[in-house]
PDB file of N, CA and C in Angstrom:
ATOM      1  N   MET A   1     -51.398  85.352  12.019  1.00  0.00           N
ATOM      2  CA  MET A   1     -51.413  86.092  12.845  1.00  0.00           C
ATOM      3  C   MET A   1     -50.514  85.816  14.208  1.00  0.00           C
ATOM      4  N   GLU A   2     -50.576  84.954  14.975  1.00  0.00           N
ATOM      5  CA  GLU A   2     -50.604  84.579  16.089  1.00  0.00           C
ATOM      6  C   GLU A   2     -49.375  84.679  15.966  1.00  0.00           C
ATOM      7  N   GLU A   3     -48.889  84.416  15.177  1.00  0.00           N
ATOM      8  CA  GLU A   3     -47.164  83.758  14.444  1.00  0.00           C
ATOM      9  C   GLU A   3     -46.795  84.636  14.906  1.00  0.00           C
ATOM     10  N   ASP A   4     -46.955  85.906  14.215  1.00  0.00           N
ATOM     11  CA  ASP A   4     -46.108  87.157  14.660  1.00  0.00           C
ATOM     12  C   ASP A   4     -46.153  87.453  15.539  1.00  0.00           C
ATOM     13  N   LYS A   5     -47.232  87.315  16.016  1.00  0.00           N
ATOM     14  CA  LYS A   5     -47.470  88.072  17.812  1.00  0.00           C
ATOM     15  C   LYS A   5     -46.109  87.350  18.323  1.00  0.00           C
ATOM     16  N   ILE A   6     -46.283  85.816  18.445  1.00  0.00           N
ATOM     17  CA  ILE A   6     -44.527  85.550  18.767  1.00  0.00           C
ATOM     18  C   ILE A   6     -43.443  85.610  18.300  1.00  0.00           C
ATOM     19  N   LYS A   7     -43.737  85.994  17.574  1.00  0.00           N
ATOM     20  CA  LYS A   7     -42.625  86.171  16.844  1.00  0.00           C
ATOM     21  C   LYS A   7     -41.803  87.779  17.037  1.00  0.00           C
ATOM     22  N   SER A   8     -43.029  88.541  17.843  1.00  0.00           N
ATOM     23  CA  SER A   8     -42.665  89.831  18.178  1.00  0.00           C
ATOM     24  C   SER A   8     -42.533  90.129  19.318  1.00  0.00           C
ATOM     25  N   GLU A   9     -42.720  89.184  20.138  1.00  0.00           N
ATOM     26  CA  GLU A   9     -42.451  88.599  21.618  1.00  0.00           C
ATOM     27  C   GLU A   9     -41.411  88.506  21.421  1.00  0.00           C
ATOM     28  N   VAL A  10     -41.398  87.692  20.850  1.00  0.00           N
ATOM     29  CA  VAL A  10     -39.623  86.993  21.134  1.00  0.00           C
ATOM     30  C   VAL A  10     -38.649  88.120  21.122  1.00  0.00           C
ATOM     31  N   LYS A  11     -38.643  88.698  19.920  1.00  0.00           N
ATOM     32  CA  LYS A  11     -37.689  89.884  19.772  1.00  0.00           C
ATOM     33  C   LYS A  11     -37.797  90.928  20.497  1.00  0.00           C
ATOM     34  N   MET A  12     -38.743  91.346  20.464  1.00  0.00           N
ATOM     35  CA  MET A  12     -38.473  92.204  22.078  1.00  0.00           C
ATOM     36  C   MET A  12     -37.952  91.170  23.523  1.00  0.00           C
ATOM     37  N   GLU A  13     -38.080  90.536  23.753  1.00  0.00           N
ATOM     38  CA  GLU A  13     -37.435  89.725  25.062  1.00  0.00           C
ATOM     39  C   GLU A  13     -36.149  89.670  25.050  1.00  0.00           C
ATOM     40  N   GLU A  14     -35.853  89.319  23.661  1.00  0.00           N
ATOM     41  CA  GLU A  14     -34.353  89.101  23.108  1.00  0.00           C
ATOM     42  C   GLU A  14     -33.657  90.145  23.410  1.00  0.00           C
ATOM     43  N   MET A  15     -34.473  91.954  22.727  1.00  0.00           N
ATOM     44  CA  MET A  15     -34.185  93.021  22.999  1.00  0.00           C
ATOM     45  C   MET A  15     -33.716  93.566  24.345  1.00  0.00           C
ATOM     46  N   SER A  16     -34.830  92.753  25.259  1.00  0.00           N
ATOM     47  CA  SER A  16     -34.765  94.095  26.387  1.00  0.00           C
ATOM     48  C   SER A  16     -34.035  93.271  27.277  1.00  0.00           C
ATOM     49  N   LYS A  17     -32.864  91.672  27.100  1.00  0.00           N
ATOM     50  CA  LYS A  17     -31.683  90.774  27.561  1.00  0.00           C
ATOM     51  C   LYS A  17     -30.743  91.367  27.278  1.00  0.00           C
ATOM     52  N   LYS A  18     -30.632  92.173  25.268  1.00  0.00           N
ATOM     53  CA  LYS A  18     -29.319  92.893  25.060  1.00  0.00           C
ATOM     54  C   LYS A  18     -29.206  94.188  25.911  1.00  0.00           C
ATOM     55  N   PHE A  19     -30.892  94.471  26.436  1.00  0.00           N
ATOM     56  CA  PHE A  19     -30.794  96.288  27.124  1.00  0.00           C
ATOM     57  C   PHE A  19     -30.081  95.727  28.701  1.00  0.00           C
ATOM     58  N   ASP A  20     -30.702  94.587  29.023  1.00  0.00           N
ATOM     59  CA  ASP A  20     -30.668  94.571  30.415  1.00  0.00           C
ATOM     60  C   ASP A  20     -28.981  93.870  30.205  1.00  0.00           C
ATOM     61  N   ASN A  21     -28.529  92.938  29.209  1.00  0.00           N
ATOM     62  CA  ASN A  21     -27.319  92.993  29.942  1.00  0.00           C
ATOM     63  C   ASN A  21     -26.361  94.373  29.887  1.00  0.00           C
ATOM     64  N   SER A  22     -26.141  95.347  28.915  1.00  0.00           N
ATOM     65  CA  SER A  22     -25.813  96.629  28.357  1.00  0.00           C
ATOM     66  C   SER A  22     -25.613  96.954  29.419  1.00  0.00           C
ATOM     67  N   TYR A  23     -26.757  97.557  30.272  1.00  0.00           N
ATOM     68  CA  TYR A  23     -27.440  98.408  31.461  1.00  0.00           C
ATOM     69  C   TYR A  23     -26.175  97.443  33.007  1.00  0.00           C
ATOM     70  N   GLN A  24     -25.964  96.483  33.005  1.00  0.00           N
ATOM     71  CA  GLN A  24     -25.638  95.575  33.614  1.00  0.00           C
ATOM     72  C   GLN A  24     -23.992  95.880  33.610  1.00  0.00           C
ATOM     73  N   ASP A  25     -23.628  95.844  32.274  1.00  0.00           N
ATOM     74  CA  ASP A  25     -22.224  96.149  32.042  1.00  0.00           C
ATOM     75  C   ASP A  25     -21.919  97.868  32.309  1.00  0.00           C
ATOM     76  N   VAL A  26     -22.708  98.748  32.305  1.00  0.00           N
ATOM     77  CA  VAL A  26     -22.820 100.134  32.260  1.00  0.00           C
ATOM     78  C   VAL A  26     -22.254 100.133  34.077  1.00  0.00           C
ATOM     79  N   ILE A  27     -23.020  99.345  34.787  1.00  0.00           N
ATOM     80  CA  ILE A  27     -23.342 100.056  35.959  1.00  0.00           C
ATOM     81  C   ILE A  27     -22.602  99.329  36.757  1.00  0.00           C
ATOM     82  N   GLU A  28     -21.426  97.921  36.122  1.00  0.00           N
ATOM     83  CA  GLU A  28     -20.392  97.282  36.630  1.00  0.00           C
ATOM     84  C   GLU A  28     -19.172  98.212  36.173  1.00  0.00           C
ATOM     85  N   LYS A  29     -18.994  99.119  35.314  1.00  0.00           N
ATOM     86  CA  LYS A  29     -17.863  99.896  34.575  1.00  0.00           C
ATOM     87  C   LYS A  29     -18.057 100.865  36.280  1.00  0.00           C
ATOM     88  N   LEU A  30     -19.712 101.565  36.045  1.00  0.00           N
ATOM     89  CA  LEU A  30     -19.417 102.397  36.746  1.00  0.00           C
ATOM     90  C   LEU A  30     -19.070 102.668  38.139  1.00  0.00           C
ATOM     91  N   ASN A  31     -19.558 101.195  38.366  1.00  0.00           N
ATOM     92  CA  ASN A  31     -18.735 101.174  40.053  1.00  0.00           C
ATOM     93  C   ASN A  31     -17.609 101.077  40.374  1.00  0.00           C
ATOM     94  N   GLU A  32     -17.355  99.756  39.106  1.00  0.00           N
ATOM     95  CA  GLU A  32     -15.421 100.054  39.225  1.00  0.00           C
ATOM     96  C   GLU A  32     -14.254 101.424  39.397  1.00  0.00           C
ATOM     97  N   GLU A  33     -15.324 102.174  38.409  1.00  0.00           N
ATOM     98  CA  GLU A  33     -14.890 103.107  38.515  1.00  0.00           C
ATOM     99  C   GLU A  33     -14.610 104.267  39.925  1.00  0.00           C
ATOM    100  N   LYS A  34     -16.044 104.166  40.562  1.00  0.00           N
ATOM    101  CA  LYS A  34     -16.601 104.824  41.480  1.00  0.00           C
ATOM    102  C   LYS A  34     -15.263 104.511  42.979  1.00  0.00           C
ATOM    103  N   GLU A  35     -14.960 102.952  42.676  1.00  0.00           N
ATOM    104  CA  GLU A  35     -14.100 101.824  43.618  1.00  0.00           C
ATOM    105  C   GLU A  35     -12.670 102.981  43.235  1.00  0.00           C
ATOM    106  N   ARG A  36     -12.444 102.979  41.933  1.00  0.00           N
ATOM    107  CA  ARG A  36     -10.956 103.546  41.645  1.00  0.00           C
ATOM    108  C   ARG A  36     -10.903 105.267  42.043  1.00  0.00           C
ATOM    109  N   LEU A  37     -11.830 105.496  42.163  1.00  0.00           N
ATOM    110  CA  LEU A  37     -11.778 107.124  42.681  1.00  0.00           C
ATOM    111  C   LEU A  37     -11.566 107.072  44.054  1.00  0.00           C
ATOM    112  N   GLU A  38     -12.487 106.108  44.751  1.00  0.00           N
ATOM    113  CA  GLU A  38     -12.343 106.298  46.246  1.00  0.00           C
ATOM    114  C   GLU A  38     -11.313 106.245  46.692  1.00  0.00           C
ATOM    115  N   ASN A  39     -10.642 105.110  45.970  1.00  0.00           N
ATOM    116  CA  ASN A  39      -9.158 104.767  46.852  1.00  0.00           C
ATOM    117  C   ASN A  39      -7.477 105.731  45.832  1.00  0.00           C
ATOM    118  N   GLU A  40      -8.401 106.321  45.200  1.00  0.00           N
ATOM    119  CA  GLU A  40      -7.455 107.464  44.655  1.00  0.00           C
ATOM    120  C   GLU A  40      -7.245 108.757  46.209  1.00  0.00           C
ATOM    121  N   LEU A  41      -8.899 109.243  46.062  1.00  0.00           N
ATOM    122  CA  LEU A  41      -9.399 110.780  46.663  1.00  0.00           C
ATOM    123  C   LEU A  41      -8.736 109.919  48.338  1.00  0.00           C
ATOM    124  N   ARG A  42      -8.395 108.553  48.550  1.00  0.00           N
ATOM    125  CA  ARG A  42      -8.174 108.107  50.138  1.00  0.00           C
ATOM    126  C   ARG A  42      -6.293 108.395  49.904  1.00  0.00           C
ATOM    127  N   HIS A  43      -5.646 108.034  49.114  1.00  0.00           N
ATOM    128  CA  HIS A  43      -4.523 107.857  48.751  1.00  0.00           C
ATOM    129  C   HIS A  43      -4.249 109.156  48.906  1.00  0.00           C
ATOM    130  N   GLU A  44      -4.938 110.741  48.369  1.00  0.00           N
ATOM    131  CA  GLU A  44      -4.962 111.659  48.164  1.00  0.00           C
ATOM    132  C   GLU A  44      -4.964 112.591  49.520  1.00  0.00           C
ATOM    133  N   TYR A  45      -5.960 111.615  50.230  1.00  0.00           N
ATOM    134  CA  TYR A  45      -6.590 112.691  51.522  1.00  0.00           C
ATOM    135  C   TYR A  45      -4.777 112.510  52.568  1.00  0.00           C
ATOM    136  N   ARG A  46      -4.735 111.157  52.504  1.00  0.00           N
ATOM    137  CA  ARG A  46      -3.694 110.861  53.490  1.00  0.00           C
ATOM    138  C   ARG A  46      -2.426 111.699  53.160  1.00  0.00           C
ATOM    139  N   ALA A  47      -1.918 111.482  52.343  1.00  0.00           N
ATOM    140  CA  ALA A  47      -0.845 112.232  51.359  1.00  0.00           C
ATOM    141  C   ALA A  47      -0.648 113.560  51.591  1.00  0.00           C
ATOM    142  N   ALA A  48      -1.698 114.157  51.843  1.00  0.00           N
ATOM    143  CA  ALA A  48      -2.699 116.049  52.377  1.00  0.00           C
ATOM    144  C   ALA A  48      -2.187 115.820  53.792  1.00  0.00           C
ATOM    145  N   ARG A  49      -2.781 114.621  54.912  1.00  0.00           N
ATOM    146  CA  ARG A  49      -2.483 114.642  55.942  1.00  0.00           C
ATOM    147  C   ARG A  49      -1.140 114.345  56.113  1.00  0.00           C
ATOM    148  N   LYS A  50      -0.827 113.503  55.933  1.00  0.00           N
ATOM    149  CA  LYS A  50       0.928 113.880  55.764  1.00  0.00           C
ATOM    150  C   LYS A  50       1.633 115.016  56.036  1.00  0.00           C
ATOM    151  N   TYR A  51       1.058 115.423  54.214  1.00  0.00           N
ATOM    152  CA  TYR A  51       2.090 116.598  54.595  1.00  0.00           C
ATOM    153  C   TYR A  51       1.856 117.373  55.332  1.00  0.00           C
ATOM    154  N   VAL A  52       0.639 118.535  55.661  1.00  0.00           N
ATOM    155  CA  VAL A  52       0.080 118.905  56.910  1.00  0.00           C
ATOM    156  C   VAL A  52       0.590 119.086  57.785  1.00  0.00           C
ATOM    157  N   ARG A  53       0.940 117.964  58.580  1.00  0.00           N
ATOM    158  CA  ARG A  53       1.723 117.136  59.573  1.00  0.00           C
ATOM    159  C   ARG A  53       3.033 117.662  60.029  1.00  0.00           C
ATOM    160  N   SER A  54       3.654 117.344  58.532  1.00  0.00           N
ATOM    161  CA  SER A  54       4.949 117.475  58.452  1.00  0.00           C
ATOM    162  C   SER A  54       5.061 119.134  59.017  1.00  0.00           C
ATOM    163  N   HIS A  55       4.507 119.641  58.531  1.00  0.00           N
ATOM    164  CA  HIS A  55       4.641 121.356  57.560  1.00  0.00           C
ATOM    165  C   HIS A  55       3.706 122.063  58.553  1.00  0.00           C
ATOM    166  N   PRO A  56       3.139 121.748  59.942  1.00  0.00           N
ATOM    167  CA  PRO A  56       2.480 123.088  60.696  1.00  0.00           C
ATOM    168  C   PRO A  56       2.746 124.369  60.400  1.00  0.00           C
ATOM    169  N   GLU A  57       3.879 124.840  60.805  1.00  0.00           N
ATOM    170  CA  GLU A  57       3.687 126.050  60.104  1.00  0.00           C
ATOM    171  C   GLU A  57       3.578 126.743  58.871  1.00  0.00           C
ATOM    172  N   GLU A  58       3.515 126.106  57.598  1.00  0.00           N
ATOM    173  CA  GLU A  58       3.149 126.621  56.526  1.00  0.00           C
ATOM    174  C   GLU A  58       1.603 126.404  56.509  1.00  0.00           C
ATOM    175  N   GLY A  59       1.085 125.645  57.018  1.00  0.00           N
ATOM    176  CA  GLY A  59      -0.581 125.424  56.977  1.00  0.00           C
ATOM    177  C   GLY A  59      -1.109 126.629  57.858  1.00  0.00           C
ATOM    178  N   LEU A  60      -0.029 126.987  59.250  1.00  0.00           N
ATOM    179  CA  LEU A  60      -0.728 128.525  59.702  1.00  0.00           C
ATOM    180  C   LEU A  60      -0.976 129.617  59.479  1.00  0.00           C
ATOM    181  N   ALA A  61       0.822 129.669  58.684  1.00  0.00           N
ATOM    182  CA  ALA A  61       0.992 131.050  58.253  1.00  0.00           C
ATOM    183  C   ALA A  61      -0.021 131.064  56.510  1.00  0.00           C
ATOM    184  N   TYR A  62      -0.220 130.138  56.056  1.00  0.00           N
ATOM    185  CA  TYR A  62      -1.447 130.105  55.460  1.00  0.00           C
ATOM    186  C   TYR A  62      -2.671 130.757  55.365  1.00  0.00           C
ATOM    187  N   SER A  63      -3.215 129.624  56.558  1.00  0.00           N
ATOM    188  CA  SER A  63      -4.224 129.887  56.599  1.00  0.00           C
ATOM    189  C   SER A  63      -4.342 131.868  57.428  1.00  0.00           C
ATOM    190  N   PHE A  64      -3.503 132.048  58.134  1.00  0.00           N
ATOM    191  CA  PHE A  64      -3.441 133.837  58.951  1.00  0.00           C
ATOM    192  C   PHE A  64      -3.364 134.718  57.346  1.00  0.00           C
ATOM    193  N   ILE A  65      -2.792 134.206  56.354  1.00  0.00           N
ATOM    194  CA  ILE A  65      -3.047 135.323  55.183  1.00  0.00           C
ATOM    195  C   ILE A  65      -4.572 135.225  54.399  1.00  0.00           C
ATOM    196  N   GLY A  66      -4.361 133.935  54.710  1.00  0.00           N
ATOM    197  CA  GLY A  66      -6.183 133.628  53.817  1.00  0.00           C
ATOM    198  C   GLY A  66      -7.172 134.838  54.382  1.00  0.00           C
ATOM    199  N   GLY A  67      -6.917 134.489  56.437  1.00  0.00           N
ATOM    200  CA  GLY A  67      -7.999 135.118  56.657  1.00  0.00           C
ATOM    201  C   GLY A  67      -7.784 136.866  56.999  1.00  0.00           C
ATOM    202  N   MET A  68      -6.357 137.137  56.640  1.00  0.00           N
ATOM    203  CA  MET A  68      -6.884 138.327  56.493  1.00  0.00           C
ATOM    204  C   MET A  68      -6.500 138.921  54.757  1.00  0.00           C
ATOM    205  N   VAL A  69      -6.678 138.380  54.271  1.00  0.00           N
ATOM    206  CA  VAL A  69      -7.718 138.656  52.603  1.00  0.00           C
ATOM    207  C   VAL A  69      -8.910 138.465  52.565  1.00  0.00           C
ATOM    208  N   ILE A  70      -9.528 137.462  53.797  1.00  0.00           N
ATOM    209  CA  ILE A  70     -10.774 137.576  53.511  1.00  0.00           C
ATOM    210  C   ILE A  70     -11.195 138.876  54.827  1.00  0.00           C
ATOM    211  N   GLY A  71     -10.953 138.894  55.551  1.00  0.00           N
ATOM    212  CA  GLY A  71     -11.478 140.269  56.480  1.00  0.00           C
ATOM    213  C   GLY A  71     -11.097 141.347  55.625  1.00  0.00           C
ATOM    214  N   ILE A  72     -10.780 141.292  54.803  1.00  0.00           N
ATOM    215  CA  ILE A  72      -9.577 142.926  54.290  1.00  0.00           C
ATOM    216  C   ILE A  72     -11.357 142.987  52.771  1.00  0.00           C
ATOM    217  N   LEU A  73     -11.651 142.031  52.346  1.00  0.00           N
ATOM    218  CA  LEU A  73     -12.510 141.933  51.012  1.00  0.00           C
ATOM    219  C   LEU A  73     -13.379 141.798  52.110  1.00  0.00           C
ATOM    220  N   LEU A  74     -14.312 141.838  53.239  1.00  0.00           N
ATOM    221  CA  LEU A  74     -15.329 141.843  53.569  1.00  0.00           C
ATOM    222  C   LEU A  74     -15.749 143.350  53.974  1.00  0.00           C
ATOM    223  N   SER A  75     -14.355 143.670  55.146  1.00  0.00           N
ATOM    224  CA  SER A  75     -14.871 145.383  55.185  1.00  0.00           C
ATOM    225  C   SER A  75     -14.733 146.053  53.978  1.00  0.00           C
ATOM    226  N   LYS A  76     -14.263 145.792  52.895  1.00  0.00           N
ATOM    227  CA  LYS A  76     -14.047 146.920  51.744  1.00  0.00           C
ATOM    228  C   LYS A  76     -15.868 146.806  51.252  1.00  0.00           C
ATOM    229  N   ILE A  77     -16.017 145.381  51.729  1.00  0.00           N
ATOM    230  CA  ILE A  77     -17.487 145.249  50.760  1.00  0.00           C
ATOM    231  C   ILE A  77     -18.551 146.134  51.934  1.00  0.00           C
ATOM    232  N   PHE A  78     -18.706 145.590  53.130  1.00  0.00           N
ATOM    233  CA  PHE A  78     -19.192 145.315  53.962  1.00  0.00           C
ATOM    234  C   PHE A  78     -19.133 147.677  54.417  1.00  0.00           C
ATOM    235  N   SER A  79     -18.229 147.926  53.717  1.00  0.00           N
ATOM    236  CA  SER A  79     -18.523 149.791  54.820  1.00  0.00           C
ATOM    237  C   SER A  79     -18.768 150.569  53.431  1.00  0.00           C
ATOM    238  N   ARG A  80     -18.886 149.988  52.939  1.00  0.00           N
ATOM    239  CA  ARG A  80     -20.037 150.816  51.426  1.00  0.00           C
ATOM    240  C   ARG A  80     -21.485 151.606  51.964  1.00  0.00           C
TER     241      ARG A  80
END
């Protein structure tokens, strides 16, 4: 009876170690993916800033057009 108890405890410990290892692997993979995404986003952000700085007139035109469209939509919504 006691041997069965000891065997079951050993099995449980082995299973918990396997789960711990698999969880650690998943956490490590997620951290690597997070770092990759951070680097990619940082690169895209810098490229976007560089583009906006080199083409300010386009950004101003898009902002103006967007403001006009939003203004027209809001005026139609609230005029009812």
